[in-house]
Amino acid sequence: MKLADFDFDLPERLVATRPARPRSHARLLLAEGDRISDRHVYDLVDIFQPGDRLVLNNTKVLPARLSGTRVRGEAVARVEVTLLDPRPDGWRALARPLRKVRPGEVIRFSDRLSATVTAKSETDLTLGFDLGGDAFDAALAEAGVMPLPPYIAAKRAADDQDRTDYQTVFARHSGAVAAPTASLHFDEGLLRALAARGVDFTEVTLHVGAGTFLPVKVEDVTTHRMHAEWGRVTAAAAAEINATKRSGGRVIPVGTTALRLIESAADADGTLHPWEGETDIFIYPGYRFRVTDALMTNFHLPKSTLVMLVAALLGEERIRRVYDHAIRQGYRFFSYGDSSLLIP
């Protein structure tokens, strides 16, 4: 299975830099069996059936991009930092330029927030912040900006609108440095309409890491190693999903992050269990899905692990037809783009 099998040509004009407004007015490509139809996200009220269960990732994106200064004698250097993930000894982070900081030095981001460089490698560093808990969250919210994906950040800087746009309406647990973007299409009105339709909801948490944007660098994709991300499936969430499976309803994760988490927490027979920890599950063609009956997801980067995941769900030939249709019809791609509902 070669990396080139998951490549395709994507016109630059189809890369979205702002989301649709209202959120639920984004376009929706519905792929069901061999049929492809063009809809909108608000049509989910007619597409989903009573008894279907949507699995939502309630992670909350941190404003993880920071600009600070390092003072060494009379020399002052500006350092740009992107937080990656929390560790027992501090936050792992990228820094630019990395060479301008040394272990033991302090980077000041605002009057309220600073951090000591506790370790440094060839690729990243570890920061020990001077605040923790709610005080850290408040200071970070004041000093940081949203960590937009590289393909958006290359076109424009993050602004105040992104603090709303790049966060789901059901975000509850802080820890992500990238959004579960399929969930960005839901607004309160759509959630109420789906509930009135008889659609059920279960929330899980997977803190999306910056590794979600890392390219696959091996030609034999089966040898690729995924980045690990922390997640939790509560006992209540597992019981709800198991009950839906027993009753014949469909379990439909909203986004690849929710899908990867519930597949990690399931037995071979599809029974879900309470689960907490890091998952580095890699789903590519040949994978046998244990829990997932369908998937709502955005359109993904060529040669990415996420394209491999949707190819595993639909089959390589069908997903090529889906992406060819999306490009021909001008669907908007990636984090702020349009959506799809993929039903095997």
Protein backbone atom coordinates (compact mmCIF):
# COMPACT_ATOMS: atom_id res chain seq x y z
CA MET A 1 0.00 0.00 0.00
CA LYS A 2 1.85 3.07 -1.30
CA LEU A 3 1.61 6.71 -0.31
CA ALA A 4 0.94 7.66 -3.94
CA ASP A 5 -2.32 5.70 -3.78
CA PHE A 6 -3.75 8.47 -1.59
CA ASP A 7 -2.62 11.46 -3.62
CA PHE A 8 -4.85 13.77 -5.68
CA ASP A 9 -4.65 17.20 -7.30
CA LEU A 10 -6.46 19.90 -5.33
CA PRO A 11 -6.90 23.41 -6.75
CA GLU A 12 -5.59 26.02 -4.32
CA ARG A 13 -8.82 27.99 -4.66
CA LEU A 14 -10.74 25.23 -2.85
CA VAL A 15 -8.78 25.61 0.41
CA ALA A 16 -11.12 27.48 2.78
CA THR A 17 -9.70 30.23 4.97
CA ARG A 18 -13.02 31.16 6.64
CA PRO A 19 -15.99 28.96 7.56
CA ALA A 20 -19.50 29.12 6.17
CA ARG A 21 -21.95 31.31 8.08
CA PRO A 22 -24.22 30.22 9.62
CA ARG A 23 -22.23 27.10 10.50
CA SER A 24 -24.97 24.71 9.45
CA HIS A 25 -25.18 26.27 5.97
CA ALA A 26 -21.95 24.61 4.85
CA ARG A 27 -22.36 22.20 1.95
CA LEU A 28 -22.63 18.48 2.68
CA LEU A 29 -21.65 15.72 0.28
CA LEU A 30 -23.76 12.66 1.08
CA ALA A 31 -22.18 9.37 -0.05
CA GLU A 32 -24.50 6.45 0.64
CA GLY A 33 -23.90 3.16 -1.11
CA ASP A 34 -22.95 4.05 -4.67
CA ARG A 35 -24.97 7.27 -4.63
CA ILE A 36 -23.49 10.74 -4.19
CA SER A 37 -25.73 13.74 -3.65
CA ASP A 38 -25.14 17.42 -2.89
CA ARG A 39 -26.83 18.69 0.25
CA HIS A 40 -26.23 21.11 3.13
CA VAL A 41 -25.39 20.41 6.76
CA TYR A 42 -28.83 21.57 7.86
CA ASP A 43 -30.28 18.70 5.78
CA LEU A 44 -28.97 16.27 8.41
CA VAL A 45 -32.34 16.67 10.11
CA ASP A 46 -33.87 14.81 7.16
CA ILE A 47 -30.97 12.39 6.62
CA PHE A 48 -30.51 11.01 10.13
CA GLN A 49 -33.11 8.66 11.59
CA PRO A 50 -34.63 8.45 15.08
CA GLY A 51 -32.38 6.21 17.14
CA ASP A 52 -29.17 7.26 15.38
CA ARG A 53 -26.45 8.32 17.81
CA LEU A 54 -23.93 11.03 16.99
CA VAL A 55 -20.63 10.84 18.86
CA LEU A 56 -19.26 14.33 19.51
CA ASN A 57 -15.72 15.27 20.56
CA ASN A 58 -16.10 17.90 23.28
CA THR A 59 -12.43 18.90 23.45
CA LYS A 60 -11.73 22.62 23.71
CA VAL A 61 -9.01 24.27 21.62
CA LEU A 62 -6.45 26.28 23.54
CA PRO A 63 -5.19 29.60 22.15
CA ALA A 64 -1.88 27.78 21.90
CA ARG A 65 0.15 30.18 19.74
CA LEU A 66 2.16 32.66 21.82
CA SER A 67 4.56 35.49 21.11
CA GLY A 68 7.14 36.28 23.79
CA THR A 69 10.57 37.68 24.53
CA ARG A 70 13.74 36.20 25.95
CA VAL A 71 16.23 38.51 27.68
CA ARG A 72 19.93 37.60 27.82
CA GLY A 73 21.95 40.44 29.30
CA GLU A 74 21.15 43.45 27.18
CA ALA A 75 20.03 41.33 24.24
CA VAL A 76 16.29 40.86 23.76
CA ALA A 77 14.99 38.26 21.29
CA ARG A 78 11.45 37.64 20.17
CA VAL A 79 10.34 33.99 20.29
CA GLU A 80 7.19 32.53 18.72
CA VAL A 81 5.86 29.45 20.54
CA THR A 82 3.20 26.88 19.68
CA LEU A 83 2.13 24.60 22.51
CA LEU A 84 1.85 20.95 21.50
CA ASP A 85 0.84 18.86 24.50
CA PRO A 86 1.08 18.87 28.29
CA ARG A 87 3.62 16.56 29.94
CA PRO A 88 4.29 15.81 33.62
CA ASP A 89 7.30 18.16 33.46
CA GLY A 90 5.58 20.96 31.51
CA TRP A 91 4.31 21.76 28.04
CA ARG A 92 6.07 20.41 24.97
CA ALA A 93 6.22 23.22 22.42
CA LEU A 94 7.63 24.34 19.11
CA ALA A 95 9.66 27.54 19.10
CA ARG A 96 10.80 29.82 16.32
CA PRO A 97 13.69 30.45 16.22
CA LEU A 98 14.58 27.49 18.42
CA ARG A 99 18.26 28.40 18.50
CA LYS A 100 17.52 31.64 20.41
CA VAL A 101 16.54 29.90 23.63
CA ARG A 102 18.50 27.82 26.11
CA PRO A 103 17.42 25.60 29.01
CA GLY A 104 16.99 27.65 32.16
CA GLU A 105 15.98 30.83 30.35
CA VAL A 106 12.62 32.53 30.86
CA ILE A 107 10.28 33.53 28.03
CA ARG A 108 7.80 36.24 28.96
CA PHE A 109 4.54 36.25 27.04
CA SER A 110 2.58 38.90 28.97
CA ASP A 111 2.54 40.64 32.32
CA ARG A 112 0.72 37.61 33.71
CA LEU A 113 2.31 34.71 31.85
CA SER A 114 5.88 33.49 31.55
CA ALA A 115 7.63 30.13 31.29
CA THR A 116 11.03 28.62 31.98
CA VAL A 117 12.69 26.47 29.32
CA THR A 118 13.23 23.24 31.24
CA ALA A 119 14.48 21.10 28.34
CA LYS A 120 15.36 21.43 24.67
CA SER A 121 15.82 18.97 21.80
CA GLU A 122 16.68 19.40 18.13
CA THR A 123 13.00 19.84 17.27
CA ASP A 124 11.17 21.25 20.29
CA LEU A 125 11.42 22.37 23.89
CA THR A 126 9.65 21.93 27.22
CA LEU A 127 8.17 24.92 29.02
CA GLY A 128 7.39 25.13 32.72
CA PHE A 129 4.78 27.86 33.15
CA ASP A 130 4.61 30.04 36.23
CA LEU A 131 0.85 29.52 36.53
CA GLY A 132 -1.40 26.49 36.65
CA GLY A 133 -5.08 25.56 36.66
CA ASP A 134 -7.65 28.29 36.07
CA ALA A 135 -5.03 31.04 36.42
CA PHE A 136 -3.03 29.51 33.55
CA ASP A 137 -6.15 29.15 31.39
CA ALA A 138 -7.09 32.79 31.97
CA ALA A 139 -3.61 34.11 31.24
CA LEU A 140 -3.29 31.94 28.13
CA ALA A 141 -6.66 33.16 26.86
CA GLU A 142 -5.39 36.71 27.21
CA ALA A 143 -1.96 36.22 25.64
CA GLY A 144 -2.48 33.46 23.07
CA VAL A 145 -4.12 33.22 19.66
CA MET A 146 -5.85 30.28 18.04
CA PRO A 147 -3.45 27.79 16.40
CA LEU A 148 -4.84 27.80 12.88
CA PRO A 149 -3.66 24.96 10.64
CA PRO A 150 -0.52 25.69 8.59
CA TYR A 151 -2.42 25.92 5.30
CA ILE A 152 -4.58 28.73 6.73
CA ALA A 153 -1.84 30.42 8.77
CA ALA A 154 0.24 30.70 5.58
CA LYS A 155 -2.53 32.79 4.01
CA ARG A 156 -3.58 35.00 6.94
CA ALA A 157 -2.98 35.60 10.63
CA ALA A 158 -5.41 34.38 13.26
CA ASP A 159 -7.78 37.05 14.58
CA ASP A 160 -10.51 37.46 17.20
CA GLN A 161 -13.12 35.87 14.92
CA ASP A 162 -11.15 32.63 14.99
CA ARG A 163 -11.66 32.37 18.76
CA THR A 164 -15.29 31.60 17.94
CA ASP A 165 -14.98 30.06 14.49
CA TYR A 166 -12.29 27.54 15.50
CA GLN A 167 -14.21 26.25 18.53
CA THR A 168 -17.20 23.93 18.63
CA VAL A 169 -20.39 25.03 20.37
CA PHE A 170 -20.08 22.03 22.73
CA ALA A 171 -16.37 22.50 23.63
CA ARG A 172 -15.97 21.71 27.36
CA HIS A 173 -12.56 20.23 28.22
CA SER A 174 -9.45 22.28 27.41
CA GLY A 175 -6.44 20.51 25.93
CA ALA A 176 -6.57 20.50 22.11
CA VAL A 177 -4.24 22.47 19.87
CA ALA A 178 -6.32 21.74 16.77
CA ALA A 179 -10.09 21.66 16.39
CA PRO A 180 -12.26 18.60 15.70
CA THR A 181 -13.29 20.35 12.53
CA ALA A 182 -16.28 18.24 11.45
CA SER A 183 -17.98 19.43 14.63
CA LEU A 184 -17.56 23.09 13.67
CA HIS A 185 -20.62 22.76 11.41
CA PHE A 186 -23.05 22.33 14.32
CA ASP A 187 -24.86 25.26 15.89
CA GLU A 188 -27.40 25.28 18.71
CA GLY A 189 -30.34 25.39 16.33
CA LEU A 190 -29.22 22.31 14.42
CA LEU A 191 -28.54 20.39 17.64
CA ARG A 192 -32.06 21.18 18.89
CA ALA A 193 -33.62 20.15 15.57
CA LEU A 194 -31.74 16.85 15.55
CA ALA A 195 -32.77 16.12 19.14
CA ALA A 196 -36.40 16.81 18.21
CA ARG A 197 -35.97 14.35 15.32
CA GLY A 198 -35.02 11.64 17.82
CA VAL A 199 -31.28 11.65 17.20
CA ASP A 200 -29.22 10.93 20.31
CA PHE A 201 -25.87 12.41 21.29
CA THR A 202 -22.89 11.07 23.20
CA GLU A 203 -19.88 13.19 24.10
CA VAL A 204 -16.33 11.87 24.31
CA THR A 205 -13.04 13.73 24.65
CA LEU A 206 -9.95 13.45 22.49
CA HIS A 207 -7.44 16.30 22.69
CA VAL A 208 -6.37 16.83 19.09
CA GLY A 209 -2.63 17.43 18.77
CA ALA A 210 -0.59 19.35 16.24
CA GLY A 211 0.62 16.00 14.94
CA THR A 212 -2.66 15.73 13.04
CA PHE A 213 -1.04 18.00 10.41
CA LEU A 214 2.24 16.07 10.15
CA PRO A 215 2.84 14.58 6.68
CA VAL A 216 3.32 10.89 6.04
CA LYS A 217 6.96 10.47 4.99
CA VAL A 218 7.16 6.74 4.26
CA GLU A 219 6.31 5.18 0.92
CA ASP A 220 4.87 2.03 2.52
CA VAL A 221 2.06 3.61 4.51
CA THR A 222 1.65 0.56 6.74
CA THR A 223 4.96 1.44 8.39
CA HIS A 224 3.84 4.97 9.37
CA ARG A 225 3.66 5.69 13.10
CA MET A 226 0.84 7.91 14.33
CA HIS A 227 1.21 10.65 16.91
CA ALA A 228 -0.44 9.79 20.23
CA GLU A 229 -3.35 11.83 21.55
CA TRP A 230 -5.01 11.68 24.95
CA GLY A 231 -8.67 10.73 25.15
CA ARG A 232 -11.43 9.58 27.47
CA VAL A 233 -14.63 7.56 27.03
CA THR A 234 -16.68 7.66 30.22
CA ALA A 235 -18.72 4.74 31.54
CA ALA A 236 -21.90 6.64 30.67
CA ALA A 237 -20.71 7.27 27.10
CA ALA A 238 -19.79 3.61 26.60
CA ALA A 239 -23.17 2.48 27.94
CA GLU A 240 -25.06 4.85 25.60
CA ILE A 241 -23.19 3.67 22.52
CA ASN A 242 -23.57 0.00 23.46
CA ALA A 243 -27.31 0.52 23.97
CA THR A 244 -27.65 2.06 20.51
CA LYS A 245 -25.82 -0.87 18.92
CA ARG A 246 -28.07 -3.36 20.74
CA SER A 247 -31.21 -1.58 19.61
CA GLY A 248 -30.14 -1.48 15.97
CA GLY A 249 -29.41 2.23 15.77
CA ARG A 250 -26.43 3.62 13.91
CA VAL A 251 -23.36 4.98 15.71
CA ILE A 252 -22.03 7.94 13.72
CA PRO A 253 -18.92 9.72 14.97
CA VAL A 254 -18.67 13.38 14.02
CA GLY A 255 -15.08 13.65 12.89
CA THR A 256 -12.11 11.33 12.60
CA THR A 257 -11.01 12.13 16.16
CA ALA A 258 -14.24 10.81 17.69
CA LEU A 259 -14.03 7.79 15.38
CA ARG A 260 -10.44 6.96 16.32
CA LEU A 261 -11.28 7.23 20.00
CA ILE A 262 -14.30 4.92 20.05
CA GLU A 263 -12.52 2.40 17.84
CA SER A 264 -9.64 2.45 20.35
CA ALA A 265 -12.02 1.80 23.24
CA ALA A 266 -13.91 -1.10 21.64
CA ASP A 267 -13.44 -4.85 21.89
CA ALA A 268 -13.14 -6.95 18.75
CA ASP A 269 -16.88 -7.71 19.00
CA GLY A 270 -17.73 -3.99 19.03
CA THR A 271 -18.47 -3.65 22.75
CA LEU A 272 -17.31 -0.29 24.05
CA HIS A 273 -15.70 0.06 27.47
CA PRO A 274 -14.79 3.04 29.65
CA TRP A 275 -11.37 4.10 28.47
CA GLU A 276 -8.74 6.74 29.26
CA GLY A 277 -5.23 7.17 27.93
CA GLU A 278 -3.26 7.86 24.78
CA THR A 279 -4.23 6.38 21.45
CA ASP A 280 -2.06 6.16 18.36
CA ILE A 281 -4.46 3.99 16.38
CA PHE A 282 -3.75 4.15 12.64
CA ILE A 283 -6.70 3.25 10.41
CA TYR A 284 -6.03 2.48 6.76
CA PRO A 285 -7.64 0.19 4.12
CA GLY A 286 -8.08 -3.30 5.47
CA TYR A 287 -9.12 -2.15 8.94
CA ARG A 288 -12.31 -3.77 10.27
CA PHE A 289 -14.47 -1.16 11.98
CA ARG A 290 -15.81 -2.29 15.34
CA VAL A 291 -18.31 0.42 16.30
CA THR A 292 -18.59 2.96 13.49
CA ASP A 293 -21.56 2.73 11.11
CA ALA A 294 -21.00 6.02 9.25
CA LEU A 295 -18.83 9.12 9.54
CA MET A 296 -19.33 12.85 9.21
CA THR A 297 -16.05 14.48 8.25
CA ASN A 298 -14.50 17.35 6.30
CA PHE A 299 -12.34 16.90 3.19
CA HIS A 300 -8.73 16.06 3.96
CA LEU A 301 -5.20 16.70 2.75
CA PRO A 302 -3.77 14.54 -0.05
CA LYS A 303 -1.56 11.70 1.20
CA SER A 304 -2.74 12.23 4.79
CA THR A 305 -3.63 9.59 7.35
CA LEU A 306 -7.16 11.01 7.36
CA VAL A 307 -7.62 10.25 3.65
CA MET A 308 -6.42 6.74 4.44
CA LEU A 309 -9.02 6.49 7.21
CA VAL A 310 -11.95 7.47 4.98
CA ALA A 311 -10.64 5.10 2.29
CA ALA A 312 -10.75 2.33 4.90
CA LEU A 313 -14.38 3.16 5.62
CA LEU A 314 -15.69 3.48 2.05
CA GLY A 315 -13.08 1.65 0.01
CA GLU A 316 -10.33 3.22 -2.08
CA GLU A 317 -12.30 3.33 -5.34
CA ARG A 318 -15.39 4.89 -3.77
CA ILE A 319 -13.45 7.53 -1.86
CA ARG A 320 -11.67 8.51 -5.08
CA ARG A 321 -15.09 9.03 -6.68
CA VAL A 322 -16.21 11.09 -3.69
CA TYR A 323 -13.15 13.35 -3.83
CA ASP A 324 -13.34 13.70 -7.62
CA HIS A 325 -16.98 14.78 -7.27
CA ALA A 326 -16.14 17.22 -4.47
CA ILE A 327 -13.43 18.89 -6.54
CA ARG A 328 -15.57 19.08 -9.68
CA GLN A 329 -18.45 20.60 -7.71
CA GLY A 330 -16.27 23.16 -5.93
CA TYR A 331 -16.57 21.92 -2.35
CA ARG A 332 -14.37 23.82 0.10
CA PHE A 333 -11.60 21.75 1.69
CA PHE A 334 -9.92 21.27 5.08
CA SER A 335 -10.61 22.71 8.54
CA TYR A 336 -12.89 25.60 7.57
CA GLY A 337 -14.31 23.81 4.56
CA ASP A 338 -17.46 21.89 3.74
CA SER A 339 -18.49 18.50 5.10
CA SER A 340 -19.34 15.00 4.02
CA LEU A 341 -21.43 12.18 5.41
CA LEU A 342 -19.94 8.82 4.46
CA ILE A 343 -22.23 5.80 4.84
CA PRO A 344 -20.66 2.45 3.83
